[in-house]
Amino acid sequence: MINEFDFEGGARLLPAIERTARHIAAVKRRMKHVRYPVVYVNDNFGKWRSDFRKLVARCVDEQCRGKQVARILAPEDDDYFVLKPKHSGFYATPLELLLRYLKVDGVVITGIAGDNCVLFTAADAYMREFSIAVPADCVVSLNEDRNRSALEHMRASLKADIRPSGKIRFRRAA
């Protein structure tokens, strides 16, 4: 979600992206309240020398479409981050190792695009035997029908909980 949204359809989608970002921020607050770790998994945008903190600063400090979203979802000092080179957050990243280190057995996946990066990350999480939640109001795609279809596929095939974020309950971590 930390992104300049400088792609075809980005401007048209911005209101839905900002609405989704507010839902994600609320989920993040609830997760932190019960002491769950928060991991940002973000594209490297083909920049192999990219740095997540520089990307956030660029989005917040410069005039770009993603400025408001970056402000809403600004990472905190105790958050983790993983830069990904391709669609899945697990592909060629240390995400699985980090989650195992954190003793995580379930993931809440949010972001853009539900029919692409979110779907592939959820499939890879499923193959690694994590329980999966993909709150429907925390995912957006360029096409609403494809987003709904992807969510339904994740529910049916990956056993993902796709209820709206307010209906998902988090137990306090030990």
Protein backbone atom coordinates (compact mmCIF):
# COMPACT_ATOMS: atom_id res chain seq x y z
CA MET A 1 0.00 0.00 0.00
CA ILE A 2 2.99 2.32 0.32
CA ASN A 3 3.09 3.34 -3.30
CA GLU A 4 3.19 6.38 -5.55
CA PHE A 5 0.18 4.95 -7.47
CA ASP A 6 1.75 6.22 -10.65
CA PHE A 7 0.23 3.51 -12.85
CA GLU A 8 -2.61 3.38 -15.33
CA GLY A 9 -5.85 3.57 -13.37
CA GLY A 10 -4.10 4.78 -10.20
CA ALA A 11 -5.82 8.18 -10.16
CA ARG A 12 -9.26 6.64 -10.78
CA LEU A 13 -8.72 4.11 -8.01
CA LEU A 14 -7.35 6.54 -5.41
CA PRO A 15 -10.64 7.12 -3.49
CA ALA A 16 -11.09 3.34 -3.04
CA ILE A 17 -7.41 2.96 -2.10
CA GLU A 18 -7.68 5.67 0.57
CA ARG A 19 -10.88 4.10 1.98
CA THR A 20 -9.13 0.72 2.06
CA ALA A 21 -6.09 2.28 3.77
CA ARG A 22 -8.31 3.56 6.60
CA HIS A 23 -9.69 0.06 7.15
CA ILE A 24 -6.16 -1.38 7.13
CA ALA A 25 -5.01 1.25 9.66
CA ALA A 26 -7.87 0.21 11.96
CA VAL A 27 -6.86 -3.47 11.66
CA LYS A 28 -3.27 -2.52 12.41
CA ARG A 29 -4.33 -0.68 15.58
CA ARG A 30 -6.38 -3.69 16.72
CA MET A 31 -3.50 -6.06 16.03
CA LYS A 32 -1.06 -3.91 17.96
CA HIS A 33 -3.51 -3.71 20.85
CA VAL A 34 -3.33 -7.50 21.20
CA ARG A 35 0.45 -7.47 20.64
CA TYR A 36 0.55 -9.03 17.17
CA PRO A 37 3.49 -8.10 14.96
CA VAL A 38 2.84 -5.97 11.88
CA VAL A 39 4.85 -6.71 8.76
CA TYR A 40 4.80 -4.43 5.74
CA VAL A 41 5.41 -6.40 2.55
CA ASN A 42 5.98 -3.93 -0.23
CA ASP A 43 7.05 -3.96 -3.86
CA ASN A 44 10.56 -2.91 -4.65
CA PHE A 45 9.22 -1.46 -7.93
CA GLY A 46 12.12 -3.02 -9.82
CA LYS A 47 14.63 -0.94 -7.88
CA TRP A 48 17.06 -3.46 -6.50
CA ARG A 49 18.74 -0.89 -4.30
CA SER A 50 15.47 0.26 -2.87
CA ASP A 51 14.97 1.00 0.81
CA PHE A 52 11.54 0.82 2.43
CA ARG A 53 12.07 3.83 4.70
CA LYS A 54 13.20 5.95 1.74
CA LEU A 55 10.11 4.84 -0.19
CA VAL A 56 7.85 5.89 2.71
CA ALA A 57 9.66 9.24 3.00
CA ARG A 58 9.36 9.84 -0.74
CA CYS A 59 5.63 9.11 -0.66
CA VAL A 60 4.99 11.27 2.42
CA ASP A 61 7.28 14.20 1.68
CA GLU A 62 6.88 14.62 -2.06
CA GLN A 63 3.84 15.40 -4.14
CA CYS A 64 2.64 12.00 -5.26
CA ARG A 65 -0.72 10.28 -5.47
CA GLY A 66 0.15 8.00 -2.58
CA LYS A 67 0.91 10.75 -0.08
CA GLN A 68 -2.34 10.46 1.91
CA VAL A 69 -2.20 6.64 1.92
CA ALA A 70 1.41 6.71 3.14
CA ARG A 71 0.39 9.07 5.94
CA ILE A 72 -2.55 6.87 6.95
CA LEU A 73 -0.39 3.72 6.96
CA ALA A 74 2.93 5.15 8.11
CA PRO A 75 5.03 2.40 9.67
CA GLU A 76 6.01 2.64 13.31
CA ASP A 77 9.42 1.84 14.79
CA ASP A 78 8.34 -1.61 16.00
CA ASP A 79 6.90 -2.68 12.61
CA TYR A 80 8.75 -5.09 10.34
CA PHE A 81 9.16 -4.75 6.60
CA VAL A 82 10.04 -6.97 3.69
CA LEU A 83 10.61 -5.78 0.15
CA LYS A 84 9.39 -8.17 -2.52
CA PRO A 85 10.59 -8.39 -6.12
CA LYS A 86 7.48 -10.06 -7.53
CA HIS A 87 3.81 -10.62 -6.82
CA SER A 88 3.95 -12.88 -3.77
CA GLY A 89 5.28 -11.62 -0.47
CA PHE A 90 6.95 -15.01 -0.01
CA TYR A 91 8.72 -15.28 -3.37
CA ALA A 92 12.47 -14.60 -2.98
CA THR A 93 12.00 -12.83 0.37
CA PRO A 94 12.74 -13.67 4.03
CA LEU A 95 9.03 -13.40 4.94
CA GLU A 96 8.54 -17.04 5.90
CA LEU A 97 11.70 -17.02 8.02
CA LEU A 98 10.55 -13.82 9.76
CA LEU A 99 7.08 -15.21 10.46
CA ARG A 100 8.55 -18.43 11.87
CA TYR A 101 10.95 -16.37 14.04
CA LEU A 102 7.98 -14.37 15.33
CA LYS A 103 6.13 -17.66 16.03
CA VAL A 104 3.24 -16.63 13.81
CA ASP A 105 0.76 -19.28 12.71
CA GLY A 106 -1.75 -17.06 10.94
CA VAL A 107 -1.56 -14.04 8.68
CA VAL A 108 -3.86 -11.15 7.87
CA ILE A 109 -3.19 -10.10 4.29
CA THR A 110 -4.30 -6.67 3.07
CA GLY A 111 -3.47 -4.39 0.18
CA ILE A 112 -3.40 -3.99 -3.56
CA ALA A 113 -4.20 -5.87 -5.75
CA GLY A 114 -6.62 -8.49 -4.49
CA ASP A 115 -6.54 -10.35 -7.78
CA ASN A 116 -2.76 -10.32 -8.01
CA CYS A 117 -0.29 -9.69 -5.17
CA VAL A 118 -2.75 -10.41 -2.36
CA LEU A 119 -3.97 -13.58 -4.07
CA PHE A 120 -0.45 -14.90 -4.74
CA THR A 121 0.72 -14.08 -1.21
CA ALA A 122 -2.35 -15.82 0.24
CA ALA A 123 -1.74 -18.90 -1.92
CA ASP A 124 1.87 -19.07 -0.78
CA ALA A 125 0.80 -18.62 2.87
CA TYR A 126 -1.68 -21.46 2.44
CA MET A 127 1.00 -23.74 1.00
CA ARG A 128 3.11 -22.95 4.07
CA GLU A 129 0.19 -23.91 6.33
CA PHE A 130 -0.55 -20.49 7.80
CA SER A 131 -4.16 -19.69 8.60
CA ILE A 132 -5.27 -16.78 6.45
CA ALA A 133 -7.53 -13.77 6.84
CA VAL A 134 -8.05 -11.39 3.92
CA PRO A 135 -10.61 -8.85 5.17
CA ALA A 136 -12.75 -7.88 2.18
CA ASP A 137 -12.70 -4.18 3.10
CA CYS A 138 -8.87 -4.20 3.30
CA VAL A 139 -8.24 -5.29 -0.29
CA VAL A 140 -8.69 -3.40 -3.53
CA SER A 141 -8.06 -4.23 -7.19
CA LEU A 142 -8.23 -2.28 -10.43
CA ASN A 143 -11.47 -4.11 -11.24
CA GLU A 144 -14.18 -4.59 -8.60
CA ASP A 145 -15.55 -7.80 -10.15
CA ARG A 146 -12.08 -9.35 -10.26
CA ASN A 147 -11.51 -8.30 -6.65
CA ARG A 148 -14.74 -10.04 -5.54
CA SER A 149 -13.84 -13.11 -7.59
CA ALA A 150 -10.34 -13.26 -6.07
CA LEU A 151 -11.74 -12.94 -2.54
CA GLU A 152 -14.22 -15.73 -3.21
CA HIS A 153 -11.43 -17.89 -4.64
CA MET A 154 -9.31 -17.30 -1.51
CA ARG A 155 -12.29 -18.21 0.69
CA ALA A 156 -13.13 -21.39 -1.21
CA SER A 157 -9.66 -22.66 -2.15
CA LEU A 158 -7.36 -21.25 0.54
CA LYS A 159 -9.81 -21.37 3.46
CA ALA A 160 -9.28 -17.62 3.95
CA ASP A 161 -11.53 -15.66 6.28
CA ILE A 162 -12.76 -12.85 4.00
CA ARG A 163 -15.26 -11.24 6.37
CA PRO A 164 -15.04 -7.45 6.72
CA SER A 165 -12.30 -6.40 9.12
CA GLY A 166 -14.69 -5.44 11.93
CA LYS A 167 -15.96 -9.02 12.14
CA ILE A 168 -12.51 -10.61 12.50
CA ARG A 169 -11.50 -11.15 16.13
CA PHE A 170 -7.93 -11.17 17.40
CA ARG A 171 -6.96 -12.98 20.61
CA ARG A 172 -4.36 -11.36 22.81
CA ALA A 173 -0.89 -12.74 22.06
CA ALA A 174 0.97 -14.45 24.89
